[in-house]
């Protein structure tokens, strides 16, 4: 039996988790809205995998100027 200490959102671990989550979920959101991955036009695992790889590479290239400026 665990003891609850206040609200979850007030814990340091939750704040860290949210920052990590944002870094992970942002590229997937970009892939769905900008990269066309919301509904793929390809059939077959190999083709969809190739489209996903190219989309995520494009996402990284789009992020590159911001990363280099920091």
PDB file of N, CA and C in Angstrom:
ATOM      1  N   UNK A   1       0.845  -1.176   0.000  1.00  0.00           N
ATOM      2  CA  UNK A   1       0.000   0.000   0.000  1.00  0.00           C
ATOM      3  C   UNK A   1       0.893   1.242   0.000  1.00  0.00           C
ATOM      4  N   UNK A   2       0.642   2.146  -0.954  1.00  0.00           N
ATOM      5  CA  UNK A   2       1.475   3.338  -1.044  1.00  0.00           C
ATOM      6  C   UNK A   2       0.801   4.521  -0.361  1.00  0.00           C
ATOM      7  N   UNK A   3       1.626   5.443   0.070  1.00  0.00           N
ATOM      8  CA  UNK A   3       1.137   6.641   0.736  1.00  0.00           C
ATOM      9  C   UNK A   3       1.234   7.798  -0.244  1.00  0.00           C
ATOM     10  N   UNK A   4       0.141   8.495  -0.470  1.00  0.00           N
ATOM     11  CA  UNK A   4       0.118   9.618  -1.399  1.00  0.00           C
ATOM     12  C   UNK A   4       0.546  10.879  -0.672  1.00  0.00           C
ATOM     13  N   UNK A   5       1.496  11.590  -1.262  1.00  0.00           N
ATOM     14  CA  UNK A   5       1.993  12.822  -0.664  1.00  0.00           C
ATOM     15  C   UNK A   5       1.687  13.955  -1.632  1.00  0.00           C
ATOM     16  N   UNK A   6       0.563  14.617  -1.459  1.00  0.00           N
ATOM     17  CA  UNK A   6       0.216  15.743  -2.318  1.00  0.00           C
ATOM     18  C   UNK A   6      -0.136  15.315  -3.731  1.00  0.00           C
ATOM     19  N   UNK A   7      -0.240  16.302  -4.584  1.00  0.00           N
ATOM     20  CA  UNK A   7      -0.604  16.037  -5.975  1.00  0.00           C
ATOM     21  C   UNK A   7       0.605  15.597  -6.788  1.00  0.00           C
ATOM     22  N   UNK A   8       0.342  14.760  -7.761  1.00  0.00           N
ATOM     23  CA  UNK A   8       1.403  14.240  -8.618  1.00  0.00           C
ATOM     24  C   UNK A   8       2.100  15.372  -9.357  1.00  0.00           C
ATOM     25  N   UNK A   9       1.336  16.356  -9.824  1.00  0.00           N
ATOM     26  CA  UNK A   9       1.895  17.432 -10.635  1.00  0.00           C
ATOM     27  C   UNK A   9       2.846  18.324  -9.854  1.00  0.00           C
ATOM     28  N   UNK A  10       2.900  18.190  -8.543  1.00  0.00           N
ATOM     29  CA  UNK A  10       3.786  19.024  -7.742  1.00  0.00           C
ATOM     30  C   UNK A  10       5.131  18.362  -7.468  1.00  0.00           C
ATOM     31  N   UNK A  11       5.307  17.137  -7.893  1.00  0.00           N
ATOM     32  CA  UNK A  11       6.555  16.435  -7.627  1.00  0.00           C
ATOM     33  C   UNK A  11       7.605  16.764  -8.680  1.00  0.00           C
ATOM     34  N   UNK A  12       8.848  16.771  -8.280  1.00  0.00           N
ATOM     35  CA  UNK A  12       9.955  17.056  -9.178  1.00  0.00           C
ATOM     36  C   UNK A  12      10.031  16.021 -10.301  1.00  0.00           C
ATOM     37  N   UNK A  13       9.806  14.765  -9.975  1.00  0.00           N
ATOM     38  CA  UNK A  13       9.860  13.698 -10.970  1.00  0.00           C
ATOM     39  C   UNK A  13       8.848  13.889 -12.083  1.00  0.00           C
ATOM     40  N   UNK A  14       7.687  14.406 -11.745  1.00  0.00           N
ATOM     41  CA  UNK A  14       6.651  14.644 -12.751  1.00  0.00           C
ATOM     42  C   UNK A  14       7.085  15.749 -13.710  1.00  0.00           C
ATOM     43  N   UNK A  15       7.677  16.793 -13.199  1.00  0.00           N
ATOM     44  CA  UNK A  15       8.157  17.891 -14.046  1.00  0.00           C
ATOM     45  C   UNK A  15       9.243  17.391 -14.998  1.00  0.00           C
ATOM     46  N   UNK A  16      10.156  16.578 -14.496  1.00  0.00           N
ATOM     47  CA  UNK A  16      11.198  16.012 -15.351  1.00  0.00           C
ATOM     48  C   UNK A  16      10.590  15.114 -16.422  1.00  0.00           C
ATOM     49  N   UNK A  17       9.607  14.328 -16.031  1.00  0.00           N
ATOM     50  CA  UNK A  17       8.938  13.435 -16.968  1.00  0.00           C
ATOM     51  C   UNK A  17       8.258  14.221 -18.088  1.00  0.00           C
ATOM     52  N   UNK A  18       7.645  15.333 -17.748  1.00  0.00           N
ATOM     53  CA  UNK A  18       6.962  16.142 -18.758  1.00  0.00           C
ATOM     54  C   UNK A  18       7.947  16.752 -19.751  1.00  0.00           C
ATOM     55  N   UNK A  19       9.120  17.145 -19.282  1.00  0.00           N
ATOM     56  CA  UNK A  19      10.130  17.692 -20.193  1.00  0.00           C
ATOM     57  C   UNK A  19      10.629  16.619 -21.156  1.00  0.00           C
ATOM     58  N   UNK A  20      10.870  15.430 -20.637  1.00  0.00           N
ATOM     59  CA  UNK A  20      11.305  14.312 -21.488  1.00  0.00           C
ATOM     60  C   UNK A  20      10.213  13.950 -22.491  1.00  0.00           C
ATOM     61  N   UNK A  21       8.983  13.943 -22.009  1.00  0.00           N
ATOM     62  CA  UNK A  21       7.855  13.583 -22.867  1.00  0.00           C
ATOM     63  C   UNK A  21       7.714  14.547 -24.029  1.00  0.00           C
ATOM     64  N   UNK A  22       7.901  15.826 -23.770  1.00  0.00           N
ATOM     65  CA  UNK A  22       7.800  16.828 -24.822  1.00  0.00           C
ATOM     66  C   UNK A  22       8.860  16.592 -25.895  1.00  0.00           C
ATOM     67  N   UNK A  23      10.076  16.269 -25.476  1.00  0.00           N
ATOM     68  CA  UNK A  23      11.159  16.022 -26.435  1.00  0.00           C
ATOM     69  C   UNK A  23      10.887  14.795 -27.291  1.00  0.00           C
ATOM     70  N   UNK A  24      10.186  13.834 -26.743  1.00  0.00           N
ATOM     71  CA  UNK A  24       9.898  12.605 -27.482  1.00  0.00           C
ATOM     72  C   UNK A  24       8.693  12.792 -28.397  1.00  0.00           C
ATOM     73  N   UNK A  25       7.652  13.461 -27.921  1.00  0.00           N
ATOM     74  CA  UNK A  25       6.407  13.546 -28.676  1.00  0.00           C
ATOM     75  C   UNK A  25       6.405  14.626 -29.752  1.00  0.00           C
ATOM     76  N   UNK A  26       7.221  15.657 -29.611  1.00  0.00           N
ATOM     77  CA  UNK A  26       7.227  16.721 -30.618  1.00  0.00           C
ATOM     78  C   UNK A  26       7.576  16.232 -32.022  1.00  0.00           C
ATOM     79  N   UNK A  27       8.629  15.424 -32.200  1.00  0.00           N
ATOM     80  CA  UNK A  27       8.918  14.949 -33.557  1.00  0.00           C
ATOM     81  C   UNK A  27       7.797  14.106 -34.164  1.00  0.00           C
ATOM     82  N   UNK A  28       7.105  13.332 -33.344  1.00  0.00           N
ATOM     83  CA  UNK A  28       6.000  12.530 -33.865  1.00  0.00           C
ATOM     84  C   UNK A  28       4.838  13.430 -34.285  1.00  0.00           C
ATOM     85  N   UNK A  29       4.584  14.488 -33.530  1.00  0.00           N
ATOM     86  CA  UNK A  29       3.558  15.453 -33.930  1.00  0.00           C
ATOM     87  C   UNK A  29       3.929  16.148 -35.226  1.00  0.00           C
ATOM     88  N   UNK A  30       5.197  16.506 -35.360  1.00  0.00           N
ATOM     89  CA  UNK A  30       5.680  17.140 -36.592  1.00  0.00           C
ATOM     90  C   UNK A  30       5.506  16.182 -37.766  1.00  0.00           C
ATOM     91  N   UNK A  31       5.839  14.924 -37.558  1.00  0.00           N
ATOM     92  CA  UNK A  31       5.723  13.930 -38.627  1.00  0.00           C
ATOM     93  C   UNK A  31       4.278  13.772 -39.084  1.00  0.00           C
ATOM     94  N   UNK A  32       3.332  13.885 -38.157  1.00  0.00           N
ATOM     95  CA  UNK A  32       1.930  13.728 -38.525  1.00  0.00           C
ATOM     96  C   UNK A  32       1.376  14.967 -39.212  1.00  0.00           C
ATOM     97  N   UNK A  33       1.754  16.154 -38.764  1.00  0.00           N
ATOM     98  CA  UNK A  33       1.181  17.372 -39.338  1.00  0.00           C
ATOM     99  C   UNK A  33       1.928  17.832 -40.576  1.00  0.00           C
ATOM    100  N   UNK A  34       3.239  17.881 -40.521  1.00  0.00           N
ATOM    101  CA  UNK A  34       4.045  18.408 -41.623  1.00  0.00           C
ATOM    102  C   UNK A  34       4.529  17.296 -42.540  1.00  0.00           C
ATOM    103  N   UNK A  35       4.936  16.182 -41.953  1.00  0.00           N
ATOM    104  CA  UNK A  35       5.565  15.114 -42.713  1.00  0.00           C
ATOM    105  C   UNK A  35       4.620  14.153 -43.406  1.00  0.00           C
ATOM    106  N   UNK A  36       3.333  14.320 -43.236  1.00  0.00           N
ATOM    107  CA  UNK A  36       2.381  13.472 -43.937  1.00  0.00           C
ATOM    108  C   UNK A  36       2.254  12.063 -43.394  1.00  0.00           C
ATOM    109  N   UNK A  37       2.596  11.851 -42.146  1.00  0.00           N
ATOM    110  CA  UNK A  37       2.517  10.509 -41.577  1.00  0.00           C
ATOM    111  C   UNK A  37       1.196  10.225 -40.872  1.00  0.00           C
ATOM    112  N   UNK A  38       0.277  11.191 -40.877  1.00  0.00           N
ATOM    113  CA  UNK A  38      -1.010  10.961 -40.223  1.00  0.00           C
ATOM    114  C   UNK A  38      -1.765   9.857 -40.945  1.00  0.00           C
ATOM    115  N   UNK A  39      -1.654   9.843 -42.266  1.00  0.00           N
ATOM    116  CA  UNK A  39      -2.274   8.782 -43.062  1.00  0.00           C
ATOM    117  C   UNK A  39      -1.329   8.472 -44.210  1.00  0.00           C
ATOM    118  N   UNK A  40      -0.641   7.378 -44.104  1.00  0.00           N
ATOM    119  CA  UNK A  40       0.362   7.036 -45.099  1.00  0.00           C
ATOM    120  C   UNK A  40      -0.283   6.609 -46.415  1.00  0.00           C
ATOM    121  N   UNK A  41       0.379   6.872 -47.507  1.00  0.00           N
ATOM    122  CA  UNK A  41      -0.132   6.487 -48.818  1.00  0.00           C
ATOM    123  C   UNK A  41       0.514   5.187 -49.275  1.00  0.00           C
ATOM    124  N   UNK A  42       1.449   4.676 -48.481  1.00  0.00           N
ATOM    125  CA  UNK A  42       2.166   3.467 -48.849  1.00  0.00           C
ATOM    126  C   UNK A  42       1.540   2.246 -48.204  1.00  0.00           C
ATOM    127  N   UNK A  43       1.747   1.109 -48.857  1.00  0.00           N
ATOM    128  CA  UNK A  43       1.307  -0.172 -48.304  1.00  0.00           C
ATOM    129  C   UNK A  43       2.541  -1.039 -48.108  1.00  0.00           C
ATOM    130  N   UNK A  44       2.535  -1.769 -47.041  1.00  0.00           N
ATOM    131  CA  UNK A  44       3.652  -2.656 -46.756  1.00  0.00           C
ATOM    132  C   UNK A  44       4.579  -2.049 -45.725  1.00  0.00           C
ATOM    133  N   UNK A  45       5.053  -2.918 -44.865  1.00  0.00           N
ATOM    134  CA  UNK A  45       5.891  -2.479 -43.747  1.00  0.00           C
ATOM    135  C   UNK A  45       7.178  -1.821 -44.216  1.00  0.00           C
ATOM    136  N   UNK A  46       7.818  -2.384 -45.220  1.00  0.00           N
ATOM    137  CA  UNK A  46       9.091  -1.825 -45.691  1.00  0.00           C
ATOM    138  C   UNK A  46       8.920  -0.415 -46.243  1.00  0.00           C
ATOM    139  N   UNK A  47       7.863  -0.189 -47.008  1.00  0.00           N
ATOM    140  CA  UNK A  47       7.646   1.140 -47.593  1.00  0.00           C
ATOM    141  C   UNK A  47       7.254   2.167 -46.542  1.00  0.00           C
ATOM    142  N   UNK A  48       6.403   1.765 -45.602  1.00  0.00           N
ATOM    143  CA  UNK A  48       6.008   2.689 -44.532  1.00  0.00           C
ATOM    144  C   UNK A  48       7.211   2.997 -43.645  1.00  0.00           C
ATOM    145  N   UNK A  49       8.037   1.988 -43.383  1.00  0.00           N
ATOM    146  CA  UNK A  49       9.245   2.187 -42.584  1.00  0.00           C
ATOM    147  C   UNK A  49      10.188   3.173 -43.285  1.00  0.00           C
ATOM    148  N   UNK A  50      10.326   3.040 -44.608  1.00  0.00           N
ATOM    149  CA  UNK A  50      11.183   3.947 -45.365  1.00  0.00           C
ATOM    150  C   UNK A  50      10.628   5.373 -45.331  1.00  0.00           C
ATOM    151  N   UNK A  51       9.301   5.508 -45.455  1.00  0.00           N
ATOM    152  CA  UNK A  51       8.691   6.833 -45.387  1.00  0.00           C
ATOM    153  C   UNK A  51       8.910   7.452 -44.009  1.00  0.00           C
ATOM    154  N   UNK A  52       8.750   6.649 -42.964  1.00  0.00           N
ATOM    155  CA  UNK A  52       8.946   7.146 -41.613  1.00  0.00           C
ATOM    156  C   UNK A  52      10.394   7.593 -41.395  1.00  0.00           C
ATOM    157  N   UNK A  53      11.332   6.793 -41.883  1.00  0.00           N
ATOM    158  CA  UNK A  53      12.747   7.141 -41.737  1.00  0.00           C
ATOM    159  C   UNK A  53      13.062   8.451 -42.437  1.00  0.00           C
ATOM    160  N   UNK A  54      12.561   8.615 -43.657  1.00  0.00           N
ATOM    161  CA  UNK A  54      12.804   9.849 -44.405  1.00  0.00           C
ATOM    162  C   UNK A  54      12.126  11.048 -43.727  1.00  0.00           C
ATOM    163  N   UNK A  55      10.931  10.836 -43.205  1.00  0.00           N
ATOM    164  CA  UNK A  55      10.213  11.917 -42.526  1.00  0.00           C
ATOM    165  C   UNK A  55      10.953  12.366 -41.278  1.00  0.00           C
ATOM    166  N   UNK A  56      11.455  11.414 -40.492  1.00  0.00           N
ATOM    167  CA  UNK A  56      12.169  11.777 -39.273  1.00  0.00           C
ATOM    168  C   UNK A  56      13.526  12.409 -39.597  1.00  0.00           C
ATOM    169  N   UNK A  57      14.144  11.991 -40.697  1.00  0.00           N
ATOM    170  CA  UNK A  57      15.380  12.647 -41.134  1.00  0.00           C
ATOM    171  C   UNK A  57      15.100  14.095 -41.515  1.00  0.00           C
ATOM    172  N   UNK A  58      13.972  14.323 -42.202  1.00  0.00           N
ATOM    173  CA  UNK A  58      13.580  15.688 -42.556  1.00  0.00           C
ATOM    174  C   UNK A  58      13.292  16.514 -41.303  1.00  0.00           C
ATOM    175  N   UNK A  59      12.690  15.885 -40.310  1.00  0.00           N
ATOM    176  CA  UNK A  59      12.423  16.566 -39.035  1.00  0.00           C
ATOM    177  C   UNK A  59      13.735  16.997 -38.385  1.00  0.00           C
ATOM    178  N   UNK A  60      14.723  16.122 -38.399  1.00  0.00           N
ATOM    179  CA  UNK A  60      16.025  16.453 -37.819  1.00  0.00           C
ATOM    180  C   UNK A  60      16.701  17.576 -38.596  1.00  0.00           C
ATOM    181  N   UNK A  61      16.571  17.563 -39.917  1.00  0.00           N
ATOM    182  CA  UNK A  61      17.151  18.632 -40.734  1.00  0.00           C
ATOM    183  C   UNK A  61      16.450  19.967 -40.462  1.00  0.00           C
ATOM    184  N   UNK A  62      15.144  19.914 -40.228  1.00  0.00           N
ATOM    185  CA  UNK A  62      14.410  21.137 -39.911  1.00  0.00           C
ATOM    186  C   UNK A  62      14.828  21.688 -38.549  1.00  0.00           C
ATOM    187  N   UNK A  63      15.196  20.833 -37.630  1.00  0.00           N
ATOM    188  CA  UNK A  63      15.616  21.255 -36.291  1.00  0.00           C
ATOM    189  C   UNK A  63      17.064  21.705 -36.248  1.00  0.00           C
ATOM    190  N   UNK A  64      17.851  21.302 -37.216  1.00  0.00           N
ATOM    191  CA  UNK A  64      19.290  21.515 -37.190  1.00  0.00           C
ATOM    192  C   UNK A  64      19.712  22.981 -37.004  1.00  0.00           C
ATOM    193  N   UNK A  65      19.140  23.957 -37.731  1.00  0.00           N
ATOM    194  CA  UNK A  65      19.570  25.354 -37.514  1.00  0.00           C
ATOM    195  C   UNK A  65      19.366  25.820 -36.071  1.00  0.00           C
ATOM    196  N   UNK A  66      18.256  25.419 -35.477  1.00  0.00           N
ATOM    197  CA  UNK A  66      17.988  25.812 -34.097  1.00  0.00           C
ATOM    198  C   UNK A  66      18.991  25.152 -33.142  1.00  0.00           C
ATOM    199  N   UNK A  67      19.340  23.902 -33.409  1.00  0.00           N
ATOM    200  CA  UNK A  67      20.294  23.205 -32.553  1.00  0.00           C
ATOM    201  C   UNK A  67      21.694  23.787 -32.684  1.00  0.00           C
ATOM    202  N   UNK A  68      22.070  24.193 -33.900  1.00  0.00           N
ATOM    203  CA  UNK A  68      23.404  24.755 -34.108  1.00  0.00           C
ATOM    204  C   UNK A  68      23.525  26.164 -33.520  1.00  0.00           C
ATOM    205  N   UNK A  69      22.412  26.889 -33.441  1.00  0.00           N
ATOM    206  CA  UNK A  69      22.429  28.243 -32.893  1.00  0.00           C
ATOM    207  C   UNK A  69      22.617  28.232 -31.376  1.00  0.00           C
ATOM    208  N   UNK A  70      22.226  27.146 -30.752  1.00  0.00           N
ATOM    209  CA  UNK A  70      22.300  27.090 -29.286  1.00  0.00           C
ATOM    210  C   UNK A  70      23.698  26.873 -28.784  1.00  0.00           C
TER     211      UNK A  70
END
